[in-house]
PDB file of N, CA and C in Angstrom:
ATOM      1  N   MET A   1     -17.754   6.849   1.275  1.00  0.00           N
ATOM      2  CA  MET A   1     -17.548   6.096   3.001  1.00  0.00           C
ATOM      3  C   MET A   1     -16.057   5.899   2.965  1.00  0.00           C
ATOM      4  N   ALA A   2     -15.819   5.701   4.210  1.00  0.00           N
ATOM      5  CA  ALA A   2     -14.502   5.548   4.742  1.00  0.00           C
ATOM      6  C   ALA A   2     -13.856   4.168   4.347  1.00  0.00           C
ATOM      7  N   ALA A   3     -12.342   4.347   4.325  1.00  0.00           N
ATOM      8  CA  ALA A   3     -11.898   2.861   3.942  1.00  0.00           C
ATOM      9  C   ALA A   3     -11.852   2.009   5.248  1.00  0.00           C
ATOM     10  N   THR A   4     -11.906   0.689   4.879  1.00  0.00           N
ATOM     11  CA  THR A   4     -11.959  -0.219   6.184  1.00  0.00           C
ATOM     12  C   THR A   4     -10.305  -0.141   6.854  1.00  0.00           C
ATOM     13  N   VAL A   5     -10.615   0.013   8.017  1.00  0.00           N
ATOM     14  CA  VAL A   5      -9.227   0.092   8.683  1.00  0.00           C
ATOM     15  C   VAL A   5      -8.649  -1.357   9.037  1.00  0.00           C
ATOM     16  N   ARG A   6      -7.513  -1.434   8.612  1.00  0.00           N
ATOM     17  CA  ARG A   6      -6.819  -2.838   8.522  1.00  0.00           C
ATOM     18  C   ARG A   6      -5.434  -2.752   9.559  1.00  0.00           C
ATOM     19  N   THR A   7      -5.774  -3.916  10.620  1.00  0.00           N
ATOM     20  CA  THR A   7      -4.549  -3.936  11.593  1.00  0.00           C
ATOM     21  C   THR A   7      -3.903  -5.572  11.001  1.00  0.00           C
ATOM     22  N   MET A   8      -2.579  -5.360  11.031  1.00  0.00           N
ATOM     23  CA  MET A   8      -2.025  -6.641  10.822  1.00  0.00           C
ATOM     24  C   MET A   8      -0.894  -6.894  11.964  1.00  0.00           C
ATOM     25  N   THR A   9      -0.652  -8.216  12.375  1.00  0.00           N
ATOM     26  CA  THR A   9      -0.170  -8.687  13.510  1.00  0.00           C
ATOM     27  C   THR A   9       1.437  -8.576  12.915  1.00  0.00           C
ATOM     28  N   GLN A  10       2.282  -8.180  13.804  1.00  0.00           N
ATOM     29  CA  GLN A  10       3.690  -8.466  13.449  1.00  0.00           C
ATOM     30  C   GLN A  10       3.945  -9.880  13.916  1.00  0.00           C
ATOM     31  N   THR A  11       4.531 -10.639  13.002  1.00  0.00           N
ATOM     32  CA  THR A  11       5.003 -12.237  13.183  1.00  0.00           C
ATOM     33  C   THR A  11       6.363 -12.689  13.693  1.00  0.00           C
ATOM     34  N   ASN A  12       7.404 -11.366  13.374  1.00  0.00           N
ATOM     35  CA  ASN A  12       8.447 -11.603  13.481  1.00  0.00           C
ATOM     36  C   ASN A  12       9.277 -10.426  13.763  1.00  0.00           C
ATOM     37  N   ASP A  13      10.705 -10.467  14.248  1.00  0.00           N
ATOM     38  CA  ASP A  13      11.514  -9.470  14.350  1.00  0.00           C
ATOM     39  C   ASP A  13      12.059  -8.567  13.156  1.00  0.00           C
ATOM     40  N   ALA A  14      11.744  -8.999  12.074  1.00  0.00           N
ATOM     41  CA  ALA A  14      12.346  -8.474  10.652  1.00  0.00           C
ATOM     42  C   ALA A  14      11.265  -7.461  10.191  1.00  0.00           C
ATOM     43  N   GLY A  15      10.151  -7.476  10.802  1.00  0.00           N
ATOM     44  CA  GLY A  15       8.900  -6.649  10.701  1.00  0.00           C
ATOM     45  C   GLY A  15       7.973  -6.967   9.518  1.00  0.00           C
ATOM     46  N   LEU A  16       7.867  -8.313   9.368  1.00  0.00           N
ATOM     47  CA  LEU A  16       7.046  -9.121   8.560  1.00  0.00           C
ATOM     48  C   LEU A  16       5.632  -9.355   9.306  1.00  0.00           C
ATOM     49  N   GLN A  17       4.583  -9.009   8.539  1.00  0.00           N
ATOM     50  CA  GLN A  17       3.191  -9.131   8.898  1.00  0.00           C
ATOM     51  C   GLN A  17       2.651  -9.724   8.026  1.00  0.00           C
ATOM     52  N   VAL A  18       2.035 -11.133   8.395  1.00  0.00           N
ATOM     53  CA  VAL A  18       1.186 -11.682   7.659  1.00  0.00           C
ATOM     54  C   VAL A  18      -0.108 -12.080   8.244  1.00  0.00           C
ATOM     55  N   ASN A  19      -1.487 -11.555   7.346  1.00  0.00           N
ATOM     56  CA  ASN A  19      -2.619 -11.965   7.978  1.00  0.00           C
ATOM     57  C   ASN A  19      -3.496 -11.971   6.728  1.00  0.00           C
ATOM     58  N   PRO A  20      -3.508 -12.851   5.939  1.00  0.00           N
ATOM     59  CA  PRO A  20      -4.009 -12.773   4.550  1.00  0.00           C
ATOM     60  C   PRO A  20      -5.633 -12.284   4.939  1.00  0.00           C
ATOM     61  N   ILE A  21      -6.013 -11.272   4.184  1.00  0.00           N
ATOM     62  CA  ILE A  21      -7.449 -10.821   4.505  1.00  0.00           C
ATOM     63  C   ILE A  21      -7.972 -10.486   2.769  1.00  0.00           C
ATOM     64  N   SER A  22      -9.413 -10.323   2.657  1.00  0.00           N
ATOM     65  CA  SER A  22      -9.915  -9.855   1.488  1.00  0.00           C
ATOM     66  C   SER A  22      -9.915  -8.611   1.375  1.00  0.00           C
ATOM     67  N   ALA A  23      -9.775  -7.966   0.412  1.00  0.00           N
ATOM     68  CA  ALA A  23      -9.477  -6.339  -0.018  1.00  0.00           C
ATOM     69  C   ALA A  23     -11.013  -5.741  -0.073  1.00  0.00           C
ATOM     70  N   ASP A  24     -11.182  -4.722   0.580  1.00  0.00           N
ATOM     71  CA  ASP A  24     -12.266  -4.360   0.672  1.00  0.00           C
ATOM     72  C   ASP A  24     -12.495  -3.466  -0.751  1.00  0.00           C
ATOM     73  N   ASN A  25     -13.133  -4.080  -1.783  1.00  0.00           N
ATOM     74  CA  ASN A  25     -12.984  -3.373  -3.497  1.00  0.00           C
ATOM     75  C   ASN A  25     -14.129  -2.227  -3.191  1.00  0.00           C
ATOM     76  N   THR A  26     -15.231  -1.904  -2.311  1.00  0.00           N
ATOM     77  CA  THR A  26     -16.239  -0.905  -2.374  1.00  0.00           C
ATOM     78  C   THR A  26     -15.404   0.064  -1.621  1.00  0.00           C
ATOM     79  N   ASN A  27     -14.907   0.132  -0.447  1.00  0.00           N
ATOM     80  CA  ASN A  27     -14.371   1.453   0.229  1.00  0.00           C
ATOM     81  C   ASN A  27     -12.854   1.474   0.180  1.00  0.00           C
ATOM     82  N   GLY A  28     -12.096   0.550  -0.189  1.00  0.00           N
ATOM     83  CA  GLY A  28     -10.723   0.456   0.040  1.00  0.00           C
ATOM     84  C   GLY A  28     -10.398   0.067   1.352  1.00  0.00           C
ATOM     85  N   ASP A  29      -8.905  -0.058   1.430  1.00  0.00           N
ATOM     86  CA  ASP A  29      -8.440  -0.427   2.819  1.00  0.00           C
ATOM     87  C   ASP A  29      -7.417   0.904   3.282  1.00  0.00           C
ATOM     88  N   ALA A  30      -7.216   0.636   4.859  1.00  0.00           N
ATOM     89  CA  ALA A  30      -6.451   1.743   5.055  1.00  0.00           C
ATOM     90  C   ALA A  30      -5.726   1.004   6.081  1.00  0.00           C
ATOM     91  N   PHE A  31      -4.214   0.707   5.911  1.00  0.00           N
ATOM     92  CA  PHE A  31      -3.327  -0.136   6.883  1.00  0.00           C
ATOM     93  C   PHE A  31      -2.324   1.167   7.693  1.00  0.00           C
ATOM     94  N   THR A  32      -2.387   0.651   9.117  1.00  0.00           N
ATOM     95  CA  THR A  32      -1.294   1.585   9.781  1.00  0.00           C
ATOM     96  C   THR A  32      -0.123   1.100   9.113  1.00  0.00           C
ATOM     97  N   ALA A  33       0.949   2.048   9.073  1.00  0.00           N
ATOM     98  CA  ALA A  33       2.208   2.050   8.622  1.00  0.00           C
ATOM     99  C   ALA A  33       2.759   1.181   9.658  1.00  0.00           C
ATOM    100  N   ILE A  34       3.973  -0.056   9.365  1.00  0.00           N
ATOM    101  CA  ILE A  34       4.561  -0.748  10.301  1.00  0.00           C
ATOM    102  C   ILE A  34       5.348   0.264  11.296  1.00  0.00           C
ATOM    103  N   GLN A  35       6.269   1.084  10.776  1.00  0.00           N
ATOM    104  CA  GLN A  35       7.371   1.795  11.314  1.00  0.00           C
ATOM    105  C   GLN A  35       7.656   2.975  10.533  1.00  0.00           C
ATOM    106  N   ASN A  36       7.409   4.003  10.884  1.00  0.00           N
ATOM    107  CA  ASN A  36       7.705   5.342  10.023  1.00  0.00           C
ATOM    108  C   ASN A  36       9.131   5.557   9.983  1.00  0.00           C
ATOM    109  N   GLY A  37       9.810   5.764   8.872  1.00  0.00           N
ATOM    110  CA  GLY A  37      11.158   5.830   8.760  1.00  0.00           C
ATOM    111  C   GLY A  37      11.796   4.553   8.054  1.00  0.00           C
ATOM    112  N   LYS A  38      10.995   3.634   7.746  1.00  0.00           N
ATOM    113  CA  LYS A  38      11.464   2.490   7.141  1.00  0.00           C
ATOM    114  C   LYS A  38      10.465   2.250   5.715  1.00  0.00           C
ATOM    115  N   SER A  39      11.094   1.596   4.852  1.00  0.00           N
ATOM    116  CA  SER A  39      10.308   1.381   3.716  1.00  0.00           C
ATOM    117  C   SER A  39       9.350   0.517   3.895  1.00  0.00           C
ATOM    118  N   GLN A  40       8.100   0.349   3.243  1.00  0.00           N
ATOM    119  CA  GLN A  40       6.931  -0.344   3.409  1.00  0.00           C
ATOM    120  C   GLN A  40       6.633  -1.149   2.230  1.00  0.00           C
ATOM    121  N   LYS A  41       6.115  -2.331   2.298  1.00  0.00           N
ATOM    122  CA  LYS A  41       6.135  -3.315   1.339  1.00  0.00           C
ATOM    123  C   LYS A  41       4.726  -3.920   1.527  1.00  0.00           C
ATOM    124  N   PHE A  42       3.797  -3.777   0.688  1.00  0.00           N
ATOM    125  CA  PHE A  42       2.520  -4.278   0.700  1.00  0.00           C
ATOM    126  C   PHE A  42       2.314  -5.640  -0.136  1.00  0.00           C
ATOM    127  N   ILE A  43       2.079  -6.723   0.071  1.00  0.00           N
ATOM    128  CA  ILE A  43       2.014  -7.964  -0.927  1.00  0.00           C
ATOM    129  C   ILE A  43       0.539  -8.178  -1.044  1.00  0.00           C
ATOM    130  N   PHE A  44       0.083  -8.326  -2.126  1.00  0.00           N
ATOM    131  CA  PHE A  44      -1.219  -8.992  -2.658  1.00  0.00           C
ATOM    132  C   PHE A  44      -1.245 -10.199  -3.715  1.00  0.00           C
ATOM    133  N   TYR A  45      -2.188 -10.633  -3.481  1.00  0.00           N
ATOM    134  CA  TYR A  45      -2.504 -11.898  -4.302  1.00  0.00           C
ATOM    135  C   TYR A  45      -4.040 -11.753  -4.989  1.00  0.00           C
ATOM    136  N   ASN A  46      -3.794 -12.070  -6.242  1.00  0.00           N
ATOM    137  CA  ASN A  46      -4.791 -12.036  -7.139  1.00  0.00           C
ATOM    138  C   ASN A  46      -5.239 -13.587  -7.563  1.00  0.00           C
ATOM    139  N   PRO A  47      -6.476 -14.257  -6.832  1.00  0.00           N
ATOM    140  CA  PRO A  47      -6.931 -15.410  -7.058  1.00  0.00           C
ATOM    141  C   PRO A  47      -8.030 -15.510  -8.291  1.00  0.00           C
ATOM    142  N   THR A  48      -8.250 -14.372  -8.554  1.00  0.00           N
ATOM    143  CA  THR A  48      -9.402 -14.252  -9.794  1.00  0.00           C
ATOM    144  C   THR A  48      -8.882 -14.715 -11.222  1.00  0.00           C
ATOM    145  N   GLY A  49      -9.847 -14.734 -11.844  1.00  0.00           N
ATOM    146  CA  GLY A  49      -9.582 -14.941 -13.585  1.00  0.00           C
ATOM    147  C   GLY A  49      -9.324 -13.787 -14.204  1.00  0.00           C
ATOM    148  N   GLY A  50      -9.259 -12.718 -13.629  1.00  0.00           N
ATOM    149  CA  GLY A  50      -8.829 -11.553 -14.302  1.00  0.00           C
ATOM    150  C   GLY A  50      -7.885 -10.515 -13.480  1.00  0.00           C
ATOM    151  N   SER A  51      -7.448  -9.381 -14.375  1.00  0.00           N
ATOM    152  CA  SER A  51      -6.286  -8.603 -13.637  1.00  0.00           C
ATOM    153  C   SER A  51      -7.343  -7.545 -12.796  1.00  0.00           C
ATOM    154  N   ILE A  52      -6.492  -7.101 -11.720  1.00  0.00           N
ATOM    155  CA  ILE A  52      -6.903  -6.305 -10.517  1.00  0.00           C
ATOM    156  C   ILE A  52      -6.176  -5.156 -10.312  1.00  0.00           C
ATOM    157  N   THR A  53      -6.643  -3.674 -10.406  1.00  0.00           N
ATOM    158  CA  THR A  53      -5.438  -2.808 -10.223  1.00  0.00           C
ATOM    159  C   THR A  53      -5.760  -2.322  -8.809  1.00  0.00           C
ATOM    160  N   ALA A  54      -4.313  -2.321  -8.014  1.00  0.00           N
ATOM    161  CA  ALA A  54      -4.487  -1.833  -6.733  1.00  0.00           C
ATOM    162  C   ALA A  54      -3.949  -0.306  -7.052  1.00  0.00           C
ATOM    163  N   THR A  55      -4.577   0.407  -6.154  1.00  0.00           N
ATOM    164  CA  THR A  55      -4.347   1.886  -6.351  1.00  0.00           C
ATOM    165  C   THR A  55      -3.730   2.588  -5.002  1.00  0.00           C
ATOM    166  N   LEU A  56      -2.408   2.852  -4.846  1.00  0.00           N
ATOM    167  CA  LEU A  56      -2.022   3.603  -3.246  1.00  0.00           C
ATOM    168  C   LEU A  56      -2.339   4.964  -3.769  1.00  0.00           C
ATOM    169  N   LYS A  57      -2.941   5.593  -2.704  1.00  0.00           N
ATOM    170  CA  LYS A  57      -3.591   6.762  -2.672  1.00  0.00           C
ATOM    171  C   LYS A  57      -2.677   7.745  -2.045  1.00  0.00           C
ATOM    172  N   VAL A  58      -2.113   8.725  -2.718  1.00  0.00           N
ATOM    173  CA  VAL A  58      -1.178   9.808  -2.016  1.00  0.00           C
ATOM    174  C   VAL A  58      -2.008  10.882  -1.431  1.00  0.00           C
ATOM    175  N   GLN A  59      -1.416  11.161  -0.025  1.00  0.00           N
ATOM    176  CA  GLN A  59      -2.125  12.107   0.776  1.00  0.00           C
ATOM    177  C   GLN A  59      -1.492  13.556   0.729  1.00  0.00           C
ATOM    178  N   ASN A  60      -0.380  13.393   0.658  1.00  0.00           N
ATOM    179  CA  ASN A  60       0.424  14.757   0.498  1.00  0.00           C
ATOM    180  C   ASN A  60       0.984  15.095  -1.060  1.00  0.00           C
ATOM    181  N   THR A  61       0.186  15.983  -1.393  1.00  0.00           N
ATOM    182  CA  THR A  61       0.645  16.254  -2.912  1.00  0.00           C
ATOM    183  C   THR A  61       1.538  17.665  -2.871  1.00  0.00           C
ATOM    184  N   THR A  62       2.340  17.928  -1.970  1.00  0.00           N
ATOM    185  CA  THR A  62       3.020  19.130  -1.808  1.00  0.00           C
ATOM    186  C   THR A  62       4.318  18.877  -2.850  1.00  0.00           C
ATOM    187  N   ALA A  63       4.309  19.738  -3.782  1.00  0.00           N
ATOM    188  CA  ALA A  63       5.755  19.411  -4.810  1.00  0.00           C
ATOM    189  C   ALA A  63       7.044  19.526  -3.965  1.00  0.00           C
ATOM    190  N   THR A  64       7.779  18.935  -4.135  1.00  0.00           N
ATOM    191  CA  THR A  64       9.390  19.098  -3.517  1.00  0.00           C
ATOM    192  C   THR A  64      10.370  19.216  -4.638  1.00  0.00           C
ATOM    193  N   ARG A  65      11.532  19.698  -4.283  1.00  0.00           N
ATOM    194  CA  ARG A  65      12.426  19.798  -5.263  1.00  0.00           C
ATOM    195  C   ARG A  65      13.489  18.864  -5.096  1.00  0.00           C
ATOM    196  N   VAL A  66      13.765  17.812  -6.165  1.00  0.00           N
ATOM    197  CA  VAL A  66      14.583  16.734  -5.969  1.00  0.00           C
ATOM    198  C   VAL A  66      15.881  17.225  -6.698  1.00  0.00           C
ATOM    199  N   SER A  67      17.104  17.070  -5.963  1.00  0.00           N
ATOM    200  CA  SER A  67      18.443  17.313  -6.551  1.00  0.00           C
ATOM    201  C   SER A  67      18.643  16.636  -7.811  1.00  0.00           C
ATOM    202  N   GLY A  68      18.894  17.133  -8.891  1.00  0.00           N
ATOM    203  CA  GLY A  68      19.039  16.508 -10.147  1.00  0.00           C
ATOM    204  C   GLY A  68      18.045  15.950 -11.110  1.00  0.00           C
ATOM    205  N   ILE A  69      16.786  16.363 -10.464  1.00  0.00           N
ATOM    206  CA  ILE A  69      15.662  15.831 -11.258  1.00  0.00           C
ATOM    207  C   ILE A  69      14.715  17.135 -11.355  1.00  0.00           C
ATOM    208  N   GLY A  70      14.584  17.902 -10.446  1.00  0.00           N
ATOM    209  CA  GLY A  70      13.598  19.049 -10.410  1.00  0.00           C
ATOM    210  C   GLY A  70      12.691  18.937  -9.497  1.00  0.00           C
ATOM    211  N   THR A  71      11.535  19.758  -9.598  1.00  0.00           N
ATOM    212  CA  THR A  71      10.046  19.770  -8.714  1.00  0.00           C
ATOM    213  C   THR A  71       9.520  18.366  -9.312  1.00  0.00           C
ATOM    214  N   VAL A  72       9.026  17.915  -8.172  1.00  0.00           N
ATOM    215  CA  VAL A  72       8.303  16.302  -8.118  1.00  0.00           C
ATOM    216  C   VAL A  72       7.046  16.733  -7.156  1.00  0.00           C
ATOM    217  N   THR A  73       6.016  16.265  -7.964  1.00  0.00           N
ATOM    218  CA  THR A  73       4.608  16.196  -7.345  1.00  0.00           C
ATOM    219  C   THR A  73       4.249  14.879  -6.930  1.00  0.00           C
ATOM    220  N   PRO A  74       3.933  14.485  -5.825  1.00  0.00           N
ATOM    221  CA  PRO A  74       3.500  13.064  -5.494  1.00  0.00           C
ATOM    222  C   PRO A  74       2.381  12.739  -6.233  1.00  0.00           C
ATOM    223  N   ALA A  75       2.310  11.678  -6.561  1.00  0.00           N
ATOM    224  CA  ALA A  75       0.839  11.104  -7.131  1.00  0.00           C
ATOM    225  C   ALA A  75       0.669   9.642  -6.856  1.00  0.00           C
ATOM    226  N   ASP A  76      -0.716   9.371  -7.029  1.00  0.00           N
ATOM    227  CA  ASP A  76      -1.171   8.094  -6.743  1.00  0.00           C
ATOM    228  C   ASP A  76      -0.177   7.086  -7.510  1.00  0.00           C
ATOM    229  N   LYS A  77      -0.176   5.861  -7.030  1.00  0.00           N
ATOM    230  CA  LYS A  77       0.408   4.831  -7.975  1.00  0.00           C
ATOM    231  C   LYS A  77      -0.279   3.761  -7.914  1.00  0.00           C
ATOM    232  N   ALA A  78      -0.236   2.959  -9.140  1.00  0.00           N
ATOM    233  CA  ALA A  78      -1.330   1.869  -9.440  1.00  0.00           C
ATOM    234  C   ALA A  78      -0.485   0.636  -9.923  1.00  0.00           C
ATOM    235  N   LEU A  79      -0.816  -0.517  -9.258  1.00  0.00           N
ATOM    236  CA  LEU A  79      -0.307  -1.778  -9.920  1.00  0.00           C
ATOM    237  C   LEU A  79      -1.385  -2.613 -10.152  1.00  0.00           C
ATOM    238  N   ALA A  80      -1.293  -3.337 -11.628  1.00  0.00           N
ATOM    239  CA  ALA A  80      -2.205  -4.259 -12.231  1.00  0.00           C
ATOM    240  C   ALA A  80      -1.641  -5.646 -12.130  1.00  0.00           C
ATOM    241  N   ILE A  81      -2.518  -6.100 -11.058  1.00  0.00           N
ATOM    242  CA  ILE A  81      -2.067  -7.741 -10.904  1.00  0.00           C
ATOM    243  C   ILE A  81      -2.855  -8.815 -11.414  1.00  0.00           C
ATOM    244  N   ALA A  82      -2.095  -9.364 -12.470  1.00  0.00           N
ATOM    245  CA  ALA A  82      -2.514 -10.330 -13.522  1.00  0.00           C
ATOM    246  C   ALA A  82      -3.463 -11.637 -12.641  1.00  0.00           C
ATOM    247  N   ALA A  83      -4.236 -12.378 -13.212  1.00  0.00           N
ATOM    248  CA  ALA A  83      -4.590 -13.495 -12.473  1.00  0.00           C
ATOM    249  C   ALA A  83      -3.896 -14.426 -11.955  1.00  0.00           C
ATOM    250  N   SER A  84      -4.372 -14.940 -10.911  1.00  0.00           N
ATOM    251  CA  SER A  84      -3.261 -15.717 -10.189  1.00  0.00           C
ATOM    252  C   SER A  84      -1.841 -15.233 -10.080  1.00  0.00           C
ATOM    253  N   LYS A  85      -1.692 -14.095  -9.785  1.00  0.00           N
ATOM    254  CA  LYS A  85      -0.247 -13.706  -9.513  1.00  0.00           C
ATOM    255  C   LYS A  85      -0.222 -12.854  -8.512  1.00  0.00           C
ATOM    256  N   PHE A  86       1.157 -12.744  -7.839  1.00  0.00           N
ATOM    257  CA  PHE A  86       1.133 -11.715  -6.447  1.00  0.00           C
ATOM    258  C   PHE A  86       1.865 -10.374  -7.172  1.00  0.00           C
ATOM    259  N   GLY A  87       1.461  -9.595  -6.171  1.00  0.00           N
ATOM    260  CA  GLY A  87       1.894  -8.131  -6.448  1.00  0.00           C
ATOM    261  C   GLY A  87       2.481  -7.572  -5.284  1.00  0.00           C
ATOM    262  N   VAL A  88       3.396  -6.595  -5.543  1.00  0.00           N
ATOM    263  CA  VAL A  88       4.092  -5.980  -4.432  1.00  0.00           C
ATOM    264  C   VAL A  88       4.174  -4.646  -4.604  1.00  0.00           C
ATOM    265  N   PHE A  89       3.711  -3.754  -3.602  1.00  0.00           N
ATOM    266  CA  PHE A  89       4.004  -2.420  -3.665  1.00  0.00           C
ATOM    267  C   PHE A  89       5.060  -2.189  -2.591  1.00  0.00           C
ATOM    268  N   GLU A  90       5.981  -1.328  -3.048  1.00  0.00           N
ATOM    269  CA  GLU A  90       7.131  -0.756  -2.218  1.00  0.00           C
ATOM    270  C   GLU A  90       7.162   0.557  -1.865  1.00  0.00           C
ATOM    271  N   ILE A  91       6.997   1.208  -0.912  1.00  0.00           N
ATOM    272  CA  ILE A  91       6.976   2.691  -0.633  1.00  0.00           C
ATOM    273  C   ILE A  91       8.658   3.077   0.100  1.00  0.00           C
ATOM    274  N   LEU A  92       9.176   3.579  -0.365  1.00  0.00           N
ATOM    275  CA  LEU A  92      10.537   3.929   0.179  1.00  0.00           C
ATOM    276  C   LEU A  92      10.386   4.703   1.255  1.00  0.00           C
ATOM    277  N   ALA A  93      11.348   4.822   2.114  1.00  0.00           N
ATOM    278  CA  ALA A  93      11.449   5.277   3.419  1.00  0.00           C
ATOM    279  C   ALA A  93      11.083   6.844   3.311  1.00  0.00           C
ATOM    280  N   SER A  94      11.894   7.260   2.246  1.00  0.00           N
ATOM    281  CA  SER A  94      11.796   8.672   2.086  1.00  0.00           C
ATOM    282  C   SER A  94      10.469   9.397   1.423  1.00  0.00           C
ATOM    283  N   ASP A  95       9.709   8.231   0.900  1.00  0.00           N
ATOM    284  CA  ASP A  95       8.388   8.603   0.527  1.00  0.00           C
ATOM    285  C   ASP A  95       7.248   8.392   1.126  1.00  0.00           C
ATOM    286  N   VAL A  96       7.127   7.556   2.511  1.00  0.00           N
ATOM    287  CA  VAL A  96       6.181   6.895   3.379  1.00  0.00           C
ATOM    288  C   VAL A  96       5.370   8.202   3.835  1.00  0.00           C
ATOM    289  N   ILE A  97       5.880   9.516   4.106  1.00  0.00           N
ATOM    290  CA  ILE A  97       5.094  10.371   4.566  1.00  0.00           C
ATOM    291  C   ILE A  97       4.120  11.053   3.614  1.00  0.00           C
ATOM    292  N   GLU A  98       4.386  10.740   2.572  1.00  0.00           N
ATOM    293  CA  GLU A  98       3.564  11.253   1.228  1.00  0.00           C
ATOM    294  C   GLU A  98       2.069  10.544   1.226  1.00  0.00           C
ATOM    295  N   TYR A  99       2.336   9.188   1.748  1.00  0.00           N
ATOM    296  CA  TYR A  99       1.010   8.469   1.538  1.00  0.00           C
ATOM    297  C   TYR A  99       0.552   8.106   3.049  1.00  0.00           C
ATOM    298  N   LEU A 100       1.022   8.867   3.938  1.00  0.00           N
ATOM    299  CA  LEU A 100       0.230   8.378   5.247  1.00  0.00           C
ATOM    300  C   LEU A 100      -0.845   9.422   5.171  1.00  0.00           C
ATOM    301  N   ASP A 101      -2.078   9.047   5.933  1.00  0.00           N
ATOM    302  CA  ASP A 101      -3.342  10.162   6.124  1.00  0.00           C
ATOM    303  C   ASP A 101      -2.846  10.769   7.352  1.00  0.00           C
ATOM    304  N   ALA A 102      -3.882  11.340   7.985  1.00  0.00           N
ATOM    305  CA  ALA A 102      -3.867  11.969   9.292  1.00  0.00           C
ATOM    306  C   ALA A 102      -3.884  11.174  10.430  1.00  0.00           C
ATOM    307  N   ASN A 103      -4.579   9.876  10.172  1.00  0.00           N
ATOM    308  CA  ASN A 103      -3.953   8.779  11.300  1.00  0.00           C
ATOM    309  C   ASN A 103      -2.882   7.837  11.069  1.00  0.00           C
ATOM    310  N   GLY A 104      -1.983   8.428  10.365  1.00  0.00           N
ATOM    311  CA  GLY A 104      -0.874   7.222   9.996  1.00  0.00           C
ATOM    312  C   GLY A 104      -1.064   5.897   9.303  1.00  0.00           C
ATOM    313  N   ARG A 105      -1.977   6.253   8.348  1.00  0.00           N
ATOM    314  CA  ARG A 105      -2.372   5.084   7.768  1.00  0.00           C
ATOM    315  C   ARG A 105      -2.206   5.260   6.142  1.00  0.00           C
ATOM    316  N   VAL A 106      -2.065   4.066   5.410  1.00  0.00           N
ATOM    317  CA  VAL A 106      -1.694   3.984   4.109  1.00  0.00           C
ATOM    318  C   VAL A 106      -3.010   3.317   3.286  1.00  0.00           C
ATOM    319  N   ASN A 107      -3.516   4.000   2.320  1.00  0.00           N
ATOM    320  CA  ASN A 107      -4.659   4.019   1.847  1.00  0.00           C
ATOM    321  C   ASN A 107      -4.430   3.290   0.334  1.00  0.00           C
ATOM    322  N   PHE A 108      -5.486   2.299   0.152  1.00  0.00           N
ATOM    323  CA  PHE A 108      -5.625   1.523  -1.234  1.00  0.00           C
ATOM    324  C   PHE A 108      -6.606   1.583  -1.517  1.00  0.00           C
ATOM    325  N   THR A 109      -7.145   1.490  -2.961  1.00  0.00           N
ATOM    326  CA  THR A 109      -8.459   1.368  -3.285  1.00  0.00           C
ATOM    327  C   THR A 109      -7.960   0.316  -4.536  1.00  0.00           C
ATOM    328  N   TYR A 110      -9.034  -0.305  -5.061  1.00  0.00           N
ATOM    329  CA  TYR A 110      -8.921  -1.541  -5.752  1.00  0.00           C
ATOM    330  C   TYR A 110     -10.192  -1.394  -7.134  1.00  0.00           C
ATOM    331  N   SER A 111      -9.685  -1.893  -8.386  1.00  0.00           N
ATOM    332  CA  SER A 111     -10.789  -1.952  -9.504  1.00  0.00           C
ATOM    333  C   SER A 111     -11.807  -3.144  -9.458  1.00  0.00           C
ATOM    334  N   GLY A 112     -11.400  -4.115  -8.664  1.00  0.00           N
ATOM    335  CA  GLY A 112     -12.441  -4.990  -8.615  1.00  0.00           C
ATOM    336  C   GLY A 112     -12.346  -5.818  -7.431  1.00  0.00           C
ATOM    337  N   ALA A 113     -13.481  -6.913  -7.528  1.00  0.00           N
ATOM    338  CA  ALA A 113     -13.153  -7.957  -6.114  1.00  0.00           C
ATOM    339  C   ALA A 113     -12.701  -9.037  -6.202  1.00  0.00           C
ATOM    340  N   GLY A 114     -11.964  -9.624  -5.164  1.00  0.00           N
ATOM    341  CA  GLY A 114     -11.255 -10.762  -5.261  1.00  0.00           C
ATOM    342  C   GLY A 114     -10.001 -10.851  -4.811  1.00  0.00           C
ATOM    343  N   LEU A 115      -9.281  -9.401  -4.569  1.00  0.00           N
ATOM    344  CA  LEU A 115      -7.898  -9.515  -4.328  1.00  0.00           C
ATOM    345  C   LEU A 115      -7.754  -9.748  -2.641  1.00  0.00           C
ATOM    346  N   ILE A 116      -6.770 -10.231  -2.214  1.00  0.00           N
ATOM    347  CA  ILE A 116      -6.394 -10.827  -0.909  1.00  0.00           C
ATOM    348  C   ILE A 116      -5.176 -10.005  -0.468  1.00  0.00           C
ATOM    349  N   VAL A 117      -5.214  -9.412   0.359  1.00  0.00           N
ATOM    350  CA  VAL A 117      -3.911  -8.792   1.093  1.00  0.00           C
ATOM    351  C   VAL A 117      -3.166  -9.775   1.657  1.00  0.00           C
ATOM    352  N   VAL A 118      -2.158 -10.191   1.348  1.00  0.00           N
ATOM    353  CA  VAL A 118      -1.471 -11.179   1.958  1.00  0.00           C
ATOM    354  C   VAL A 118      -0.406 -10.841   3.110  1.00  0.00           C
ATOM    355  N   GLY A 119       0.024  -9.568   3.209  1.00  0.00           N
ATOM    356  CA  GLY A 119       1.078  -9.041   4.144  1.00  0.00           C
ATOM    357  C   GLY A 119       1.550  -7.906   3.932  1.00  0.00           C
ATOM    358  N   LEU A 120       2.339  -7.457   5.037  1.00  0.00           N
ATOM    359  CA  LEU A 120       3.295  -6.198   4.836  1.00  0.00           C
ATOM    360  C   LEU A 120       4.825  -6.458   5.593  1.00  0.00           C
ATOM    361  N   ALA A 121       5.616  -5.659   5.068  1.00  0.00           N
ATOM    362  CA  ALA A 121       6.877  -6.023   5.491  1.00  0.00           C
ATOM    363  C   ALA A 121       7.614  -4.384   5.380  1.00  0.00           C
ATOM    364  N   ALA A 122       8.338  -4.222   6.510  1.00  0.00           N
ATOM    365  CA  ALA A 122       9.429  -3.128   6.542  1.00  0.00           C
ATOM    366  C   ALA A 122      10.798  -3.306   6.498  1.00  0.00           C
ATOM    367  N   ASN A 123      11.399  -2.569   5.733  1.00  0.00           N
ATOM    368  CA  ASN A 123      12.781  -2.708   5.730  1.00  0.00           C
ATOM    369  C   ASN A 123      13.489  -1.571   6.342  1.00  0.00           C
ATOM    370  N   PRO A 124      14.631  -1.657   6.720  1.00  0.00           N
ATOM    371  CA  PRO A 124      15.340  -0.624   7.323  1.00  0.00           C
ATOM    372  C   PRO A 124      15.718   0.433   6.492  1.00  0.00           C
TER     373      PRO A 124
END
């Protein structure tokens, strides 16, 4: 089944969007990127009694050569968010394109129910 498409409303000129919503732990969520070319932060809160893992799904797995490192293949990123804690995913501006689907959205899946997406932010 397709991820739930989410729209956040920009609340100020700094690029912060706040609109708490319950994460869709069944199908995952797809967020429209705030602005291409900027780092993206996704802020989560876990009000449950146990840890929940949020996974950022890679869309472009084409290996690229990184100077001084070698060949790098983009991969999913997972963040375990402990009970009653916040978690923040940051996608650097240089990496945003690897996580955008064909509709310009960033996709997350979750290991359990109860996680709340608090907001998104873009950095120059």
